[in-house]
Amino acid sequence: MSFELYKNKYEQKGYGIEYPDGHVIRFYERILKYKLNKTSGKLLDFGCGNGTHAKYFKDKGFKVCGAD
């Protein structure tokens, strides 16, 4: 795919979700943060799409690698 096609498809028209899904936020807040006391570390976002969830975890202090 050429850069122009990519830019048109993903940047100009939008792709994926804009905000993290509720179940991802609940997973972080209830499981990682409170039950496991895990607020940093490495995280793999497999099937990351446009990276919305990867960005959410990065903003929370994780080192994130995404693959789609």
PDB file of N, CA and C in Angstrom:
ATOM      1  N   MET A   1       0.853  -1.164   0.000  1.00  0.00           N
ATOM      2  CA  MET A   1       0.000   0.000   0.000  1.00  0.00           C
ATOM      3  C   MET A   1       0.904   1.234   0.000  1.00  0.00           C
ATOM      4  N   SER A   2       0.607   2.172  -0.860  1.00  0.00           N
ATOM      5  CA  SER A   2       1.415   3.387  -0.922  1.00  0.00           C
ATOM      6  C   SER A   2       1.106   4.288   0.269  1.00  0.00           C
ATOM      7  N   PHE A   3       2.020   5.183   0.540  1.00  0.00           N
ATOM      8  CA  PHE A   3       1.840   6.107   1.663  1.00  0.00           C
ATOM      9  C   PHE A   3       0.581   6.952   1.480  1.00  0.00           C
ATOM     10  N   GLU A   4       0.314   7.393   0.276  1.00  0.00           N
ATOM     11  CA  GLU A   4      -0.875   8.230   0.026  1.00  0.00           C
ATOM     12  C   GLU A   4      -2.162   7.445   0.293  1.00  0.00           C
ATOM     13  N   LEU A   5      -2.214   6.188  -0.129  1.00  0.00           N
ATOM     14  CA  LEU A   5      -3.395   5.364   0.152  1.00  0.00           C
ATOM     15  C   LEU A   5      -3.561   5.161   1.653  1.00  0.00           C
ATOM     16  N   TYR A   6      -2.453   4.888   2.339  1.00  0.00           N
ATOM     17  CA  TYR A   6      -2.484   4.710   3.784  1.00  0.00           C
ATOM     18  C   TYR A   6      -2.999   5.982   4.473  1.00  0.00           C
ATOM     19  N   LYS A   7      -2.426   7.107   4.076  1.00  0.00           N
ATOM     20  CA  LYS A   7      -2.799   8.395   4.667  1.00  0.00           C
ATOM     21  C   LYS A   7      -4.283   8.675   4.456  1.00  0.00           C
ATOM     22  N   ASN A   8      -4.781   8.415   3.266  1.00  0.00           N
ATOM     23  CA  ASN A   8      -6.190   8.645   2.971  1.00  0.00           C
ATOM     24  C   ASN A   8      -7.090   7.737   3.794  1.00  0.00           C
ATOM     25  N   LYS A   9      -6.708   6.474   3.902  1.00  0.00           N
ATOM     26  CA  LYS A   9      -7.553   5.505   4.607  1.00  0.00           C
ATOM     27  C   LYS A   9      -7.555   5.702   6.115  1.00  0.00           C
ATOM     28  N   TYR A  10      -6.392   5.919   6.708  1.00  0.00           N
ATOM     29  CA  TYR A  10      -6.291   5.913   8.156  1.00  0.00           C
ATOM     30  C   TYR A  10      -6.233   7.289   8.801  1.00  0.00           C
ATOM     31  N   GLU A  11      -5.692   8.279   8.140  1.00  0.00           N
ATOM     32  CA  GLU A  11      -5.578   9.592   8.761  1.00  0.00           C
ATOM     33  C   GLU A  11      -6.743  10.500   8.406  1.00  0.00           C
ATOM     34  N   GLN A  12      -7.093  10.579   7.162  1.00  0.00           N
ATOM     35  CA  GLN A  12      -8.113  11.523   6.744  1.00  0.00           C
ATOM     36  C   GLN A  12      -9.522  11.011   7.015  1.00  0.00           C
ATOM     37  N   LYS A  13      -9.770   9.748   6.782  1.00  0.00           N
ATOM     38  CA  LYS A  13     -11.105   9.193   6.972  1.00  0.00           C
ATOM     39  C   LYS A  13     -11.315   8.667   8.382  1.00  0.00           C
ATOM     40  N   GLY A  14     -10.244   8.440   9.095  1.00  0.00           N
ATOM     41  CA  GLY A  14     -10.367   7.862  10.430  1.00  0.00           C
ATOM     42  C   GLY A  14     -10.430   6.355  10.369  1.00  0.00           C
ATOM     43  N   TYR A  15      -9.929   5.742  11.398  1.00  0.00           N
ATOM     44  CA  TYR A  15      -9.887   4.282  11.456  1.00  0.00           C
ATOM     45  C   TYR A  15      -9.946   3.863  12.903  1.00  0.00           C
ATOM     46  N   GLY A  16     -10.753   2.884  13.195  1.00  0.00           N
ATOM     47  CA  GLY A  16     -10.790   2.345  14.542  1.00  0.00           C
ATOM     48  C   GLY A  16     -11.528   3.244  15.519  1.00  0.00           C
ATOM     49  N   ILE A  17     -11.302   2.986  16.780  1.00  0.00           N
ATOM     50  CA  ILE A  17     -11.999   3.717  17.827  1.00  0.00           C
ATOM     51  C   ILE A  17     -11.167   4.900  18.299  1.00  0.00           C
ATOM     52  N   GLU A  18     -11.841   5.906  18.811  1.00  0.00           N
ATOM     53  CA  GLU A  18     -11.154   7.113  19.266  1.00  0.00           C
ATOM     54  C   GLU A  18     -10.807   7.050  20.748  1.00  0.00           C
ATOM     55  N   TYR A  19     -11.639   6.377  21.541  1.00  0.00           N
ATOM     56  CA  TYR A  19     -11.434   6.272  22.987  1.00  0.00           C
ATOM     57  C   TYR A  19     -11.354   4.800  23.379  1.00  0.00           C
ATOM     58  N   PRO A  20     -10.644   4.483  24.456  1.00  0.00           N
ATOM     59  CA  PRO A  20     -10.539   3.080  24.884  1.00  0.00           C
ATOM     60  C   PRO A  20     -11.903   2.490  25.240  1.00  0.00           C
ATOM     61  N   ASP A  21     -12.082   1.214  24.931  1.00  0.00           N
ATOM     62  CA  ASP A  21     -13.307   0.509  25.311  1.00  0.00           C
ATOM     63  C   ASP A  21     -13.413   0.419  26.827  1.00  0.00           C
ATOM     64  N   GLY A  22     -14.637   0.384  27.316  1.00  0.00           N
ATOM     65  CA  GLY A  22     -14.880   0.309  28.754  1.00  0.00           C
ATOM     66  C   GLY A  22     -14.258  -0.909  29.405  1.00  0.00           C
ATOM     67  N   HIS A  23     -14.277  -2.052  28.707  1.00  0.00           N
ATOM     68  CA  HIS A  23     -13.708  -3.265  29.312  1.00  0.00           C
ATOM     69  C   HIS A  23     -12.196  -3.156  29.476  1.00  0.00           C
ATOM     70  N   VAL A  24     -11.527  -2.380  28.634  1.00  0.00           N
ATOM     71  CA  VAL A  24     -10.083  -2.185  28.764  1.00  0.00           C
ATOM     72  C   VAL A  24      -9.784  -1.305  29.977  1.00  0.00           C
ATOM     73  N   ILE A  25     -10.560  -0.262  30.147  1.00  0.00           N
ATOM     74  CA  ILE A  25     -10.397   0.625  31.303  1.00  0.00           C
ATOM     75  C   ILE A  25     -10.678  -0.132  32.597  1.00  0.00           C
ATOM     76  N   ARG A  26     -11.749  -0.917  32.608  1.00  0.00           N
ATOM     77  CA  ARG A  26     -12.080  -1.708  33.808  1.00  0.00           C
ATOM     78  C   ARG A  26     -10.989  -2.732  34.106  1.00  0.00           C
ATOM     79  N   PHE A  27     -10.434  -3.364  33.064  1.00  0.00           N
ATOM     80  CA  PHE A  27      -9.342  -4.330  33.258  1.00  0.00           C
ATOM     81  C   PHE A  27      -8.164  -3.654  33.944  1.00  0.00           C
ATOM     82  N   TYR A  28      -7.802  -2.466  33.488  1.00  0.00           N
ATOM     83  CA  TYR A  28      -6.690  -1.762  34.114  1.00  0.00           C
ATOM     84  C   TYR A  28      -7.019  -1.387  35.556  1.00  0.00           C
ATOM     85  N   GLU A  29      -8.158  -0.725  35.739  1.00  0.00           N
ATOM     86  CA  GLU A  29      -8.513  -0.209  37.067  1.00  0.00           C
ATOM     87  C   GLU A  29      -8.754  -1.324  38.094  1.00  0.00           C
ATOM     88  N   ARG A  30      -9.493  -2.348  37.720  1.00  0.00           N
ATOM     89  CA  ARG A  30      -9.885  -3.387  38.694  1.00  0.00           C
ATOM     90  C   ARG A  30      -8.868  -4.511  38.844  1.00  0.00           C
ATOM     91  N   ILE A  31      -8.289  -4.925  37.735  1.00  0.00           N
ATOM     92  CA  ILE A  31      -7.399  -6.089  37.784  1.00  0.00           C
ATOM     93  C   ILE A  31      -5.939  -5.671  37.936  1.00  0.00           C
ATOM     94  N   LEU A  32      -5.432  -4.954  36.952  1.00  0.00           N
ATOM     95  CA  LEU A  32      -4.007  -4.609  36.988  1.00  0.00           C
ATOM     96  C   LEU A  32      -3.657  -3.704  38.160  1.00  0.00           C
ATOM     97  N   LYS A  33      -4.392  -2.629  38.308  1.00  0.00           N
ATOM     98  CA  LYS A  33      -4.039  -1.620  39.306  1.00  0.00           C
ATOM     99  C   LYS A  33      -4.335  -2.063  40.739  1.00  0.00           C
ATOM    100  N   TYR A  34      -5.544  -2.534  40.999  1.00  0.00           N
ATOM    101  CA  TYR A  34      -5.937  -2.808  42.384  1.00  0.00           C
ATOM    102  C   TYR A  34      -5.690  -4.241  42.833  1.00  0.00           C
ATOM    103  N   LYS A  35      -5.960  -5.214  41.989  1.00  0.00           N
ATOM    104  CA  LYS A  35      -5.769  -6.608  42.414  1.00  0.00           C
ATOM    105  C   LYS A  35      -4.305  -7.051  42.303  1.00  0.00           C
ATOM    106  N   LEU A  36      -3.620  -6.630  41.226  1.00  0.00           N
ATOM    107  CA  LEU A  36      -2.247  -7.067  41.004  1.00  0.00           C
ATOM    108  C   LEU A  36      -1.207  -5.999  41.333  1.00  0.00           C
ATOM    109  N   ASN A  37      -1.665  -4.797  41.664  1.00  0.00           N
ATOM    110  CA  ASN A  37      -0.777  -3.679  41.978  1.00  0.00           C
ATOM    111  C   ASN A  37       0.251  -3.450  40.860  1.00  0.00           C
ATOM    112  N   LYS A  38      -0.230  -3.534  39.619  1.00  0.00           N
ATOM    113  CA  LYS A  38       0.632  -3.409  38.430  1.00  0.00           C
ATOM    114  C   LYS A  38       0.282  -2.104  37.714  1.00  0.00           C
ATOM    115  N   THR A  39       1.154  -1.091  37.862  1.00  0.00           N
ATOM    116  CA  THR A  39       0.901   0.198  37.225  1.00  0.00           C
ATOM    117  C   THR A  39       2.005   0.588  36.251  1.00  0.00           C
ATOM    118  N   SER A  40       2.899  -0.342  35.973  1.00  0.00           N
ATOM    119  CA  SER A  40       3.944  -0.104  34.977  1.00  0.00           C
ATOM    120  C   SER A  40       4.487  -1.448  34.531  1.00  0.00           C
ATOM    121  N   GLY A  41       5.309  -1.416  33.502  1.00  0.00           N
ATOM    122  CA  GLY A  41       5.897  -2.631  32.967  1.00  0.00           C
ATOM    123  C   GLY A  41       5.739  -2.665  31.468  1.00  0.00           C
ATOM    124  N   LYS A  42       6.009  -3.818  30.890  1.00  0.00           N
ATOM    125  CA  LYS A  42       5.907  -3.981  29.447  1.00  0.00           C
ATOM    126  C   LYS A  42       4.557  -4.597  29.103  1.00  0.00           C
ATOM    127  N   LEU A  43       3.991  -4.145  27.977  1.00  0.00           N
ATOM    128  CA  LEU A  43       2.682  -4.631  27.570  1.00  0.00           C
ATOM    129  C   LEU A  43       2.650  -4.775  26.055  1.00  0.00           C
ATOM    130  N   LEU A  44       2.118  -5.885  25.566  1.00  0.00           N
ATOM    131  CA  LEU A  44       1.948  -6.106  24.134  1.00  0.00           C
ATOM    132  C   LEU A  44       0.480  -5.950  23.793  1.00  0.00           C
ATOM    133  N   ASP A  45       0.180  -5.042  22.883  1.00  0.00           N
ATOM    134  CA  ASP A  45      -1.184  -4.862  22.380  1.00  0.00           C
ATOM    135  C   ASP A  45      -1.244  -5.535  21.020  1.00  0.00           C
ATOM    136  N   PHE A  46      -1.673  -6.794  21.008  1.00  0.00           N
ATOM    137  CA  PHE A  46      -1.745  -7.560  19.775  1.00  0.00           C
ATOM    138  C   PHE A  46      -3.078  -7.286  19.103  1.00  0.00           C
ATOM    139  N   GLY A  47      -3.041  -6.864  17.844  1.00  0.00           N
ATOM    140  CA  GLY A  47      -4.259  -6.460  17.148  1.00  0.00           C
ATOM    141  C   GLY A  47      -4.631  -5.038  17.520  1.00  0.00           C
ATOM    142  N   CYS A  48      -3.630  -4.181  17.566  1.00  0.00           N
ATOM    143  CA  CYS A  48      -3.794  -2.840  18.141  1.00  0.00           C
ATOM    144  C   CYS A  48      -4.576  -1.859  17.270  1.00  0.00           C
ATOM    145  N   GLY A  49      -4.811  -2.188  16.013  1.00  0.00           N
ATOM    146  CA  GLY A  49      -5.555  -1.258  15.165  1.00  0.00           C
ATOM    147  C   GLY A  49      -4.854   0.080  15.080  1.00  0.00           C
ATOM    148  N   ASN A  50      -5.564   1.137  15.439  1.00  0.00           N
ATOM    149  CA  ASN A  50      -4.962   2.471  15.366  1.00  0.00           C
ATOM    150  C   ASN A  50      -4.217   2.859  16.636  1.00  0.00           C
ATOM    151  N   GLY A  51      -4.152   1.967  17.611  1.00  0.00           N
ATOM    152  CA  GLY A  51      -3.328   2.201  18.796  1.00  0.00           C
ATOM    153  C   GLY A  51      -4.006   2.897  19.952  1.00  0.00           C
ATOM    154  N   THR A  52      -5.319   2.983  19.950  1.00  0.00           N
ATOM    155  CA  THR A  52      -6.041   3.667  21.020  1.00  0.00           C
ATOM    156  C   THR A  52      -5.764   3.042  22.379  1.00  0.00           C
ATOM    157  N   HIS A  53      -5.829   1.719  22.458  1.00  0.00           N
ATOM    158  CA  HIS A  53      -5.588   1.055  23.739  1.00  0.00           C
ATOM    159  C   HIS A  53      -4.111   1.098  24.120  1.00  0.00           C
ATOM    160  N   ALA A  54      -3.230   1.003  23.130  1.00  0.00           N
ATOM    161  CA  ALA A  54      -1.794   1.112  23.402  1.00  0.00           C
ATOM    162  C   ALA A  54      -1.472   2.475  23.998  1.00  0.00           C
ATOM    163  N   LYS A  55      -2.070   3.519  23.449  1.00  0.00           N
ATOM    164  CA  LYS A  55      -1.851   4.870  23.965  1.00  0.00           C
ATOM    165  C   LYS A  55      -2.388   5.000  25.392  1.00  0.00           C
ATOM    166  N   TYR A  56      -3.537   4.403  25.654  1.00  0.00           N
ATOM    167  CA  TYR A  56      -4.121   4.445  26.992  1.00  0.00           C
ATOM    168  C   TYR A  56      -3.144   3.866  28.018  1.00  0.00           C
ATOM    169  N   PHE A  57      -2.584   2.690  27.719  1.00  0.00           N
ATOM    170  CA  PHE A  57      -1.650   2.058  28.653  1.00  0.00           C
ATOM    171  C   PHE A  57      -0.321   2.807  28.721  1.00  0.00           C
ATOM    172  N   LYS A  58       0.116   3.377  27.618  1.00  0.00           N
ATOM    173  CA  LYS A  58       1.336   4.194  27.628  1.00  0.00           C
ATOM    174  C   LYS A  58       1.144   5.393  28.555  1.00  0.00           C
ATOM    175  N   ASP A  59       0.000   6.033  28.462  1.00  0.00           N
ATOM    176  CA  ASP A  59      -0.301   7.178  29.326  1.00  0.00           C
ATOM    177  C   ASP A  59      -0.385   6.786  30.798  1.00  0.00           C
ATOM    178  N   LYS A  60      -0.650   5.510  31.058  1.00  0.00           N
ATOM    179  CA  LYS A  60      -0.716   5.019  32.442  1.00  0.00           C
ATOM    180  C   LYS A  60       0.653   4.603  32.975  1.00  0.00           C
ATOM    181  N   GLY A  61       1.692   4.629  32.130  1.00  0.00           N
ATOM    182  CA  GLY A  61       3.034   4.319  32.606  1.00  0.00           C
ATOM    183  C   GLY A  61       3.648   3.041  32.083  1.00  0.00           C
ATOM    184  N   PHE A  62       2.967   2.348  31.173  1.00  0.00           N
ATOM    185  CA  PHE A  62       3.484   1.105  30.624  1.00  0.00           C
ATOM    186  C   PHE A  62       4.355   1.380  29.404  1.00  0.00           C
ATOM    187  N   LYS A  63       5.290   0.487  29.132  1.00  0.00           N
ATOM    188  CA  LYS A  63       6.045   0.506  27.883  1.00  0.00           C
ATOM    189  C   LYS A  63       5.303  -0.433  26.955  1.00  0.00           C
ATOM    190  N   VAL A  64       4.717   0.115  25.906  1.00  0.00           N
ATOM    191  CA  VAL A  64       3.797  -0.656  25.065  1.00  0.00           C
ATOM    192  C   VAL A  64       4.375  -0.888  23.685  1.00  0.00           C
ATOM    193  N   CYS A  65       4.171  -2.110  23.206  1.00  0.00           N
ATOM    194  CA  CYS A  65       4.501  -2.454  21.832  1.00  0.00           C
ATOM    195  C   CYS A  65       3.208  -2.959  21.203  1.00  0.00           C
ATOM    196  N   GLY A  66       2.855  -2.420  20.037  1.00  0.00           N
ATOM    197  CA  GLY A  66       1.619  -2.818  19.371  1.00  0.00           C
ATOM    198  C   GLY A  66       1.892  -3.497  18.051  1.00  0.00           C
ATOM    199  N   ALA A  67       1.110  -4.511  17.750  1.00  0.00           N
ATOM    200  CA  ALA A  67       1.200  -5.216  16.466  1.00  0.00           C
ATOM    201  C   ALA A  67      -0.208  -5.434  15.940  1.00  0.00           C
ATOM    202  N   ASP A  68      -0.396  -5.147  14.657  1.00  0.00           N
ATOM    203  CA  ASP A  68      -1.728  -5.305  14.074  1.00  0.00           C
ATOM    204  C   ASP A  68      -1.666  -6.275  12.920  1.00  0.00           C
TER     205      ASP A  68
END
